[in-house]
Amino acid sequence: MATEAEVHTRKSAGSDPAFFSCWDIHAYYGESYIVQGVSFDIREGEIVALLGRNGAGKTSTLRTIAQVGSPELRHGEIWLDHQALHKMKSFEASQAGVGIVPEDRRIIPGLSVEENLRLAQIAEPVGWSLERIYQHFPRLAERRSQEGVTLSGGEQQMLSVARALARDIKLLLLDEPYEGLAPVIVREIEKIVEGIKELGITTIIVEQNAVAALTLADRAVILDMGQVVFDGEAEEVLENAELRQQYLAI
């Protein structure tokens, strides 16, 4: 009898099997039906922009993938490198290689920058060393002894991304990385995400600044009312004014 992973391999079979897959996922907050049959695949090393208007289900989809608290996944499958995320708890998904940078950043009060980073490395598997993190994030190196919650918004976002990279991740989930940041700081965060892309880390980015996300992304998935209404090349969305106006209001 074929194992579930073998069945998954056949389902996504072809010359370029999916590295990550959501299949018909349905998720709820209590009785509120939020994610309504979302399906999409990602090849290893791709950046996908997950877009849509407010309330479309973007953040809920990210949280469902990471198995972080609510919403509750009631139907569907989520696979990462032949691992069944839909059967895991949040800590197991993290161990399987899912790293999430939440919109609220969740810097731990009372801990310095370095302590926040070290805490992420307590459990296996460990990712980037502190030395490597500080090479890529020199501003964090300068503030390593400063309490994390006292950093500027942009610096907290850097710390949140660095903390994710301190784990050995296969899939990085970025939820509104430019939220509330000044344009000059947005550009700094964009450079960080560009660097992540160059490293070949598979990434899903949720961002209200759709043009910025699409400029970085290889592909785009657009949600409307909890369902996928577009799945294709990011460039196609940038070039299609009617599509942007209908689903992104830009």
C-alpha atoms as a PDB file:
ATOM      1  CA  MET A   1       0.000   0.000   0.000  1.00  0.00           C
ATOM      2  CA  ALA A   2       1.297   3.457  -0.929  1.00  0.00           C
ATOM      3  CA  THR A   3       2.151   5.805   1.911  1.00  0.00           C
ATOM      4  CA  GLU A   4       0.384   9.172   2.176  1.00  0.00           C
ATOM      5  CA  ALA A   5       3.605  10.916   1.149  1.00  0.00           C
ATOM      6  CA  GLU A   6       3.844   8.717  -1.949  1.00  0.00           C
ATOM      7  CA  VAL A   7       0.268   9.560  -2.872  1.00  0.00           C
ATOM      8  CA  HIS A   8       1.142  13.235  -2.446  1.00  0.00           C
ATOM      9  CA  THR A   9       4.135  12.821  -4.742  1.00  0.00           C
ATOM     10  CA  ARG A  10       1.904  11.315  -7.438  1.00  0.00           C
ATOM     11  CA  LYS A  11      -0.715  14.045  -7.021  1.00  0.00           C
ATOM     12  CA  SER A  12       1.835  16.762  -7.591  1.00  0.00           C
ATOM     13  CA  ALA A  13       3.773  14.670 -10.092  1.00  0.00           C
ATOM     14  CA  GLY A  14       5.239  16.037 -13.277  1.00  0.00           C
ATOM     15  CA  SER A  15       8.540  17.405 -14.426  1.00  0.00           C
ATOM     16  CA  ASP A  16       8.544  19.908 -11.534  1.00  0.00           C
ATOM     17  CA  PRO A  17       6.641  18.566  -8.497  1.00  0.00           C
ATOM     18  CA  ALA A  18       5.405  21.087  -5.972  1.00  0.00           C
ATOM     19  CA  PHE A  19       7.635  21.724  -2.976  1.00  0.00           C
ATOM     20  CA  PHE A  20       4.685  23.171  -1.067  1.00  0.00           C
ATOM     21  CA  SER A  21       0.985  22.495  -1.627  1.00  0.00           C
ATOM     22  CA  CYS A  22      -2.332  23.576  -0.169  1.00  0.00           C
ATOM     23  CA  TRP A  23      -5.216  21.381  -1.337  1.00  0.00           C
ATOM     24  CA  ASP A  24      -8.773  22.487  -0.772  1.00  0.00           C
ATOM     25  CA  ILE A  25      -8.199  23.881   2.720  1.00  0.00           C
ATOM     26  CA  HIS A  26     -11.205  25.053   4.714  1.00  0.00           C
ATOM     27  CA  ALA A  27     -10.668  26.894   8.008  1.00  0.00           C
ATOM     28  CA  TYR A  28     -12.951  28.473  10.601  1.00  0.00           C
ATOM     29  CA  TYR A  29     -12.875  30.910  13.495  1.00  0.00           C
ATOM     30  CA  GLY A  30     -15.540  29.233  15.606  1.00  0.00           C
ATOM     31  CA  GLU A  31     -18.470  29.015  13.215  1.00  0.00           C
ATOM     32  CA  SER A  32     -17.153  31.793  10.951  1.00  0.00           C
ATOM     33  CA  TYR A  33     -16.125  30.198   7.647  1.00  0.00           C
ATOM     34  CA  ILE A  34     -12.979  32.112   6.626  1.00  0.00           C
ATOM     35  CA  VAL A  35     -10.810  30.016   4.281  1.00  0.00           C
ATOM     36  CA  GLN A  36     -13.143  28.418   1.751  1.00  0.00           C
ATOM     37  CA  GLY A  37     -11.337  25.812  -0.326  1.00  0.00           C
ATOM     38  CA  VAL A  38      -7.971  27.443  -1.014  1.00  0.00           C
ATOM     39  CA  SER A  39      -5.557  25.480  -3.218  1.00  0.00           C
ATOM     40  CA  PHE A  40      -2.167  26.453  -4.665  1.00  0.00           C
ATOM     41  CA  ASP A  41       1.319  25.008  -5.190  1.00  0.00           C
ATOM     42  CA  ILE A  42       4.767  26.557  -4.840  1.00  0.00           C
ATOM     43  CA  ARG A  43       8.020  25.374  -6.348  1.00  0.00           C
ATOM     44  CA  GLU A  44      11.122  25.360  -4.159  1.00  0.00           C
ATOM     45  CA  GLY A  45      12.787  28.776  -4.018  1.00  0.00           C
ATOM     46  CA  GLU A  46       9.784  30.699  -5.337  1.00  0.00           C
ATOM     47  CA  ILE A  47       8.332  33.810  -3.754  1.00  0.00           C
ATOM     48  CA  VAL A  48       4.544  33.952  -3.942  1.00  0.00           C
ATOM     49  CA  ALA A  49       2.566  37.115  -3.181  1.00  0.00           C
ATOM     50  CA  LEU A  50      -0.718  36.196  -1.476  1.00  0.00           C
ATOM     51  CA  LEU A  51      -2.966  39.166  -2.184  1.00  0.00           C
ATOM     52  CA  GLY A  52      -6.526  40.394  -1.795  1.00  0.00           C
ATOM     53  CA  ARG A  53      -8.614  43.094  -0.181  1.00  0.00           C
ATOM     54  CA  ASN A  54      -8.994  43.393   3.587  1.00  0.00           C
ATOM     55  CA  GLY A  55     -10.942  40.405   4.900  1.00  0.00           C
ATOM     56  CA  ALA A  56     -10.137  38.214   1.890  1.00  0.00           C
ATOM     57  CA  GLY A  57      -8.584  35.523   4.106  1.00  0.00           C
ATOM     58  CA  LYS A  58      -4.871  36.132   3.523  1.00  0.00           C
ATOM     59  CA  THR A  59      -3.637  36.168   7.110  1.00  0.00           C
ATOM     60  CA  SER A  60      -6.020  33.342   8.012  1.00  0.00           C
ATOM     61  CA  THR A  61      -4.483  31.253   5.219  1.00  0.00           C
ATOM     62  CA  LEU A  62      -0.965  31.923   6.536  1.00  0.00           C
ATOM     63  CA  ARG A  63      -1.987  31.026  10.074  1.00  0.00           C
ATOM     64  CA  THR A  64      -3.661  27.852   8.836  1.00  0.00           C
ATOM     65  CA  ILE A  65      -0.486  26.830   6.998  1.00  0.00           C
ATOM     66  CA  ALA A  66       1.622  27.415  10.123  1.00  0.00           C
ATOM     67  CA  GLN A  67      -1.011  25.726  12.342  1.00  0.00           C
ATOM     68  CA  VAL A  68      -0.799  28.750  14.650  1.00  0.00           C
ATOM     69  CA  GLY A  69      -3.747  28.744  17.076  1.00  0.00           C
ATOM     70  CA  SER A  70      -6.910  29.740  15.263  1.00  0.00           C
ATOM     71  CA  PRO A  71      -8.321  29.442  12.633  1.00  0.00           C
ATOM     72  CA  GLU A  72      -9.185  25.744  12.837  1.00  0.00           C
ATOM     73  CA  LEU A  73      -8.443  23.637   9.754  1.00  0.00           C
ATOM     74  CA  ARG A  74     -11.461  21.363   9.233  1.00  0.00           C
ATOM     75  CA  HIS A  75     -10.791  20.037   5.741  1.00  0.00           C
ATOM     76  CA  GLY A  76      -7.946  19.835   3.255  1.00  0.00           C
ATOM     77  CA  GLU A  77      -4.252  19.003   3.133  1.00  0.00           C
ATOM     78  CA  ILE A  78      -1.094  21.094   3.487  1.00  0.00           C
ATOM     79  CA  TRP A  79       2.238  19.615   2.408  1.00  0.00           C
ATOM     80  CA  LEU A  80       5.790  20.902   2.699  1.00  0.00           C
ATOM     81  CA  ASP A  81       8.559  18.837   1.141  1.00  0.00           C
ATOM     82  CA  HIS A  82       6.420  15.662   1.503  1.00  0.00           C
ATOM     83  CA  GLN A  83       5.577  16.449   5.155  1.00  0.00           C
ATOM     84  CA  ALA A  84       1.903  16.605   6.149  1.00  0.00           C
ATOM     85  CA  LEU A  85       1.571  19.960   7.927  1.00  0.00           C
ATOM     86  CA  HIS A  86      -2.190  19.477   8.240  1.00  0.00           C
ATOM     87  CA  LYS A  87      -1.550  16.727  10.770  1.00  0.00           C
ATOM     88  CA  MET A  88       0.794  18.812  12.922  1.00  0.00           C
ATOM     89  CA  LYS A  89       0.551  21.194  15.834  1.00  0.00           C
ATOM     90  CA  SER A  90       2.228  24.594  15.544  1.00  0.00           C
ATOM     91  CA  PHE A  91       5.496  23.511  17.223  1.00  0.00           C
ATOM     92  CA  GLU A  92       5.661  20.473  14.937  1.00  0.00           C
ATOM     93  CA  ALA A  93       5.126  22.658  11.856  1.00  0.00           C
ATOM     94  CA  SER A  94       7.974  24.861  13.091  1.00  0.00           C
ATOM     95  CA  GLN A  95      10.202  21.808  13.489  1.00  0.00           C
ATOM     96  CA  ALA A  96       9.196  20.745   9.964  1.00  0.00           C
ATOM     97  CA  GLY A  97      10.573  24.012   8.611  1.00  0.00           C
ATOM     98  CA  VAL A  98       7.770  26.599   8.688  1.00  0.00           C
ATOM     99  CA  GLY A  99       8.828  30.053   9.845  1.00  0.00           C
ATOM    100  CA  ILE A 100       6.216  32.780  10.282  1.00  0.00           C
ATOM    101  CA  VAL A 101       6.805  36.509  10.727  1.00  0.00           C
ATOM    102  CA  PRO A 102       3.471  37.737  12.113  1.00  0.00           C
ATOM    103  CA  GLU A 103       2.026  41.162  11.470  1.00  0.00           C
ATOM    104  CA  ASP A 104       2.375  42.148  15.160  1.00  0.00           C
ATOM    105  CA  ARG A 105       6.014  40.904  15.203  1.00  0.00           C
ATOM    106  CA  ARG A 106       5.651  39.396  18.711  1.00  0.00           C
ATOM    107  CA  ILE A 107       8.971  40.574  20.100  1.00  0.00           C
ATOM    108  CA  ILE A 108       9.248  39.225  23.642  1.00  0.00           C
ATOM    109  CA  PRO A 109       9.251  42.004  26.285  1.00  0.00           C
ATOM    110  CA  GLY A 110      12.099  42.051  28.775  1.00  0.00           C
ATOM    111  CA  LEU A 111      14.507  40.282  26.421  1.00  0.00           C
ATOM    112  CA  SER A 112      17.330  41.899  24.480  1.00  0.00           C
ATOM    113  CA  VAL A 113      17.720  41.540  20.728  1.00  0.00           C
ATOM    114  CA  GLU A 114      20.235  38.758  21.200  1.00  0.00           C
ATOM    115  CA  GLU A 115      18.115  36.988  23.822  1.00  0.00           C
ATOM    116  CA  ASN A 116      15.140  37.010  21.419  1.00  0.00           C
ATOM    117  CA  LEU A 117      17.364  35.379  18.808  1.00  0.00           C
ATOM    118  CA  ARG A 118      18.876  32.832  21.190  1.00  0.00           C
ATOM    119  CA  LEU A 119      15.433  31.853  22.424  1.00  0.00           C
ATOM    120  CA  ALA A 120      14.483  30.905  18.851  1.00  0.00           C
ATOM    121  CA  GLN A 121      17.432  28.504  18.805  1.00  0.00           C
ATOM    122  CA  ILE A 122      16.686  26.622  22.033  1.00  0.00           C
ATOM    123  CA  ALA A 123      15.038  23.713  20.220  1.00  0.00           C
ATOM    124  CA  GLU A 124      16.270  21.899  17.132  1.00  0.00           C
ATOM    125  CA  PRO A 125      16.546  22.391  14.228  1.00  0.00           C
ATOM    126  CA  VAL A 126      18.724  25.505  14.449  1.00  0.00           C
ATOM    127  CA  GLY A 127      19.167  27.692  11.381  1.00  0.00           C
ATOM    128  CA  TRP A 128      21.445  30.669  10.937  1.00  0.00           C
ATOM    129  CA  SER A 129      24.130  31.278  13.537  1.00  0.00           C
ATOM    130  CA  LEU A 130      24.157  34.592  15.424  1.00  0.00           C
ATOM    131  CA  GLU A 131      27.287  35.529  13.489  1.00  0.00           C
ATOM    132  CA  ARG A 132      25.526  35.026  10.171  1.00  0.00           C
ATOM    133  CA  ILE A 133      22.435  36.893  11.352  1.00  0.00           C
ATOM    134  CA  TYR A 134      24.520  39.876  12.409  1.00  0.00           C
ATOM    135  CA  GLN A 135      26.344  39.865   9.062  1.00  0.00           C
ATOM    136  CA  HIS A 136      22.997  40.142   7.240  1.00  0.00           C
ATOM    137  CA  PHE A 137      21.412  42.452   9.831  1.00  0.00           C
ATOM    138  CA  PRO A 138      24.199  44.822  10.971  1.00  0.00           C
ATOM    139  CA  ARG A 139      21.712  47.110  12.687  1.00  0.00           C
ATOM    140  CA  LEU A 140      20.701  44.254  14.974  1.00  0.00           C
ATOM    141  CA  ALA A 141      24.372  43.659  15.743  1.00  0.00           C
ATOM    142  CA  GLU A 142      24.648  47.283  16.859  1.00  0.00           C
ATOM    143  CA  ARG A 143      21.614  46.867  19.121  1.00  0.00           C
ATOM    144  CA  ARG A 144      22.179  43.314  20.324  1.00  0.00           C
ATOM    145  CA  SER A 145      22.029  44.363  24.000  1.00  0.00           C
ATOM    146  CA  GLN A 146      18.984  46.627  23.615  1.00  0.00           C
ATOM    147  CA  GLU A 147      15.554  45.404  24.723  1.00  0.00           C
ATOM    148  CA  GLY A 148      13.782  44.178  21.605  1.00  0.00           C
ATOM    149  CA  VAL A 149      10.478  45.976  22.219  1.00  0.00           C
ATOM    150  CA  THR A 150      12.268  49.348  22.399  1.00  0.00           C
ATOM    151  CA  LEU A 151      13.525  49.092  18.807  1.00  0.00           C
ATOM    152  CA  SER A 152      11.938  51.160  16.060  1.00  0.00           C
ATOM    153  CA  GLY A 153       9.195  49.559  13.969  1.00  0.00           C
ATOM    154  CA  GLY A 154      11.576  48.785  11.146  1.00  0.00           C
ATOM    155  CA  GLU A 155      14.179  47.327  13.482  1.00  0.00           C
ATOM    156  CA  GLN A 156      11.538  45.156  15.160  1.00  0.00           C
ATOM    157  CA  GLN A 157      10.575  43.855  11.726  1.00  0.00           C
ATOM    158  CA  MET A 158      14.233  43.037  11.052  1.00  0.00           C
ATOM    159  CA  LEU A 159      14.405  41.212  14.384  1.00  0.00           C
ATOM    160  CA  SER A 160      11.242  39.257  13.603  1.00  0.00           C
ATOM    161  CA  VAL A 161      12.629  38.146  10.219  1.00  0.00           C
ATOM    162  CA  ALA A 162      16.027  37.321  11.743  1.00  0.00           C
ATOM    163  CA  ARG A 163      14.348  35.295  14.482  1.00  0.00           C
ATOM    164  CA  ALA A 164      12.599  33.201  11.816  1.00  0.00           C
ATOM    165  CA  LEU A 165      15.908  32.614  10.045  1.00  0.00           C
ATOM    166  CA  ALA A 166      17.459  31.507  13.349  1.00  0.00           C
ATOM    167  CA  ARG A 167      15.402  28.344  12.802  1.00  0.00           C
ATOM    168  CA  ASP A 168      16.199  25.893   9.995  1.00  0.00           C
ATOM    169  CA  ILE A 169      13.300  26.903   7.777  1.00  0.00           C
ATOM    170  CA  LYS A 170      12.070  25.589   4.450  1.00  0.00           C
ATOM    171  CA  LEU A 171       9.098  27.953   4.094  1.00  0.00           C
ATOM    172  CA  LEU A 172       9.014  31.586   5.261  1.00  0.00           C
ATOM    173  CA  LEU A 173       5.615  33.231   5.805  1.00  0.00           C
ATOM    174  CA  LEU A 174       5.712  37.049   5.891  1.00  0.00           C
ATOM    175  CA  ASP A 175       2.531  38.760   7.097  1.00  0.00           C
ATOM    176  CA  GLU A 176       2.393  42.474   6.233  1.00  0.00           C
ATOM    177  CA  PRO A 177       6.168  43.096   6.545  1.00  0.00           C
ATOM    178  CA  TYR A 178       5.811  46.756   5.455  1.00  0.00           C
ATOM    179  CA  GLU A 179       2.850  47.567   7.728  1.00  0.00           C
ATOM    180  CA  GLY A 180       3.190  50.958   9.435  1.00  0.00           C
ATOM    181  CA  LEU A 181       6.728  51.624   8.213  1.00  0.00           C
ATOM    182  CA  ALA A 182       8.035  54.807   6.628  1.00  0.00           C
ATOM    183  CA  PRO A 183       8.923  54.517   2.909  1.00  0.00           C
ATOM    184  CA  VAL A 184      12.663  54.665   3.586  1.00  0.00           C
ATOM    185  CA  ILE A 185      12.353  51.762   6.074  1.00  0.00           C
ATOM    186  CA  VAL A 186      10.137  49.834   3.654  1.00  0.00           C
ATOM    187  CA  ARG A 187      12.995  49.959   1.177  1.00  0.00           C
ATOM    188  CA  GLU A 188      15.354  48.478   3.784  1.00  0.00           C
ATOM    189  CA  ILE A 189      12.937  45.617   4.470  1.00  0.00           C
ATOM    190  CA  GLU A 190      12.538  45.088   0.710  1.00  0.00           C
ATOM    191  CA  LYS A 191      16.314  44.652   0.441  1.00  0.00           C
ATOM    192  CA  ILE A 192      16.178  42.036   3.189  1.00  0.00           C
ATOM    193  CA  VAL A 193      13.419  40.133   1.371  1.00  0.00           C
ATOM    194  CA  GLU A 194      15.372  40.409  -1.879  1.00  0.00           C
ATOM    195  CA  GLY A 195      18.341  38.868  -0.060  1.00  0.00           C
ATOM    196  CA  ILE A 196      16.119  36.042   1.165  1.00  0.00           C
ATOM    197  CA  LYS A 197      15.031  35.442  -2.422  1.00  0.00           C
ATOM    198  CA  GLU A 198      18.656  35.258  -3.549  1.00  0.00           C
ATOM    199  CA  LEU A 199      19.250  32.618  -0.884  1.00  0.00           C
ATOM    200  CA  GLY A 200      16.503  30.502  -2.445  1.00  0.00           C
ATOM    201  CA  ILE A 201      14.209  30.414   0.583  1.00  0.00           C
ATOM    202  CA  THR A 202      10.650  29.538  -0.444  1.00  0.00           C
ATOM    203  CA  THR A 203       8.465  32.438   0.711  1.00  0.00           C
ATOM    204  CA  ILE A 204       4.823  33.497   0.888  1.00  0.00           C
ATOM    205  CA  ILE A 205       4.346  37.217   1.410  1.00  0.00           C
ATOM    206  CA  VAL A 206       1.036  38.808   2.419  1.00  0.00           C
ATOM    207  CA  GLU A 207       1.144  42.555   1.874  1.00  0.00           C
ATOM    208  CA  GLN A 208      -1.363  45.374   1.362  1.00  0.00           C
ATOM    209  CA  ASN A 209       1.284  47.178  -0.694  1.00  0.00           C
ATOM    210  CA  ALA A 210       0.510  44.871  -3.590  1.00  0.00           C
ATOM    211  CA  VAL A 211       2.820  46.534  -6.105  1.00  0.00           C
ATOM    212  CA  ALA A 212       5.812  46.155  -3.773  1.00  0.00           C
ATOM    213  CA  ALA A 213       4.964  42.492  -3.143  1.00  0.00           C
ATOM    214  CA  LEU A 214       4.403  41.768  -6.834  1.00  0.00           C
ATOM    215  CA  THR A 215       7.704  43.397  -7.775  1.00  0.00           C
ATOM    216  CA  LEU A 216       9.512  40.919  -5.506  1.00  0.00           C
ATOM    217  CA  ALA A 217       7.373  37.866  -6.232  1.00  0.00           C
ATOM    218  CA  ASP A 218       7.650  35.225  -8.941  1.00  0.00           C
ATOM    219  CA  ARG A 219       3.948  34.388  -8.766  1.00  0.00           C
ATOM    220  CA  ALA A 220       0.752  35.774  -7.288  1.00  0.00           C
ATOM    221  CA  VAL A 221      -2.257  34.125  -5.685  1.00  0.00           C
ATOM    222  CA  ILE A 222      -5.249  36.443  -5.206  1.00  0.00           C
ATOM    223  CA  LEU A 223      -7.975  35.657  -2.690  1.00  0.00           C
ATOM    224  CA  ASP A 224     -11.507  37.013  -2.596  1.00  0.00           C
ATOM    225  CA  MET A 225     -13.980  36.017   0.119  1.00  0.00           C
ATOM    226  CA  GLY A 226     -11.716  33.166   1.216  1.00  0.00           C
ATOM    227  CA  GLN A 227     -11.325  31.653  -2.261  1.00  0.00           C
ATOM    228  CA  VAL A 228      -8.611  31.727  -4.939  1.00  0.00           C
ATOM    229  CA  VAL A 229      -9.635  33.914  -7.885  1.00  0.00           C
ATOM    230  CA  PHE A 230      -6.214  34.143  -9.571  1.00  0.00           C
ATOM    231  CA  ASP A 231      -3.074  31.990  -9.564  1.00  0.00           C
ATOM    232  CA  GLY A 232      -0.391  32.986 -12.034  1.00  0.00           C
ATOM    233  CA  GLU A 233       2.695  35.033 -12.781  1.00  0.00           C
ATOM    234  CA  ALA A 234       3.221  38.186 -10.711  1.00  0.00           C
ATOM    235  CA  GLU A 235       4.050  40.111 -13.879  1.00  0.00           C
ATOM    236  CA  GLU A 236       0.604  39.294 -15.287  1.00  0.00           C
ATOM    237  CA  VAL A 237      -1.052  41.038 -12.334  1.00  0.00           C
ATOM    238  CA  LEU A 238       1.209  44.070 -12.688  1.00  0.00           C
ATOM    239  CA  GLU A 239       0.236  44.334 -16.352  1.00  0.00           C
ATOM    240  CA  ASN A 240      -3.507  43.710 -15.895  1.00  0.00           C
ATOM    241  CA  ALA A 241      -5.153  46.905 -14.641  1.00  0.00           C
ATOM    242  CA  GLU A 242      -8.643  45.387 -14.738  1.00  0.00           C
ATOM    243  CA  LEU A 243      -7.597  42.473 -12.514  1.00  0.00           C
ATOM    244  CA  ARG A 244      -5.883  44.802 -10.041  1.00  0.00           C
ATOM    245  CA  GLN A 245      -8.889  47.113  -9.873  1.00  0.00           C
ATOM    246  CA  GLN A 246     -11.379  44.279  -9.422  1.00  0.00           C
ATOM    247  CA  TYR A 247      -9.609  42.389  -6.650  1.00  0.00           C
ATOM    248  CA  LEU A 248      -6.936  44.738  -5.241  1.00  0.00           C
ATOM    249  CA  ALA A 249      -8.491  48.189  -5.778  1.00  0.00           C
ATOM    250  CA  ILE A 250      -5.254  49.551  -7.259  1.00  0.00           C
END
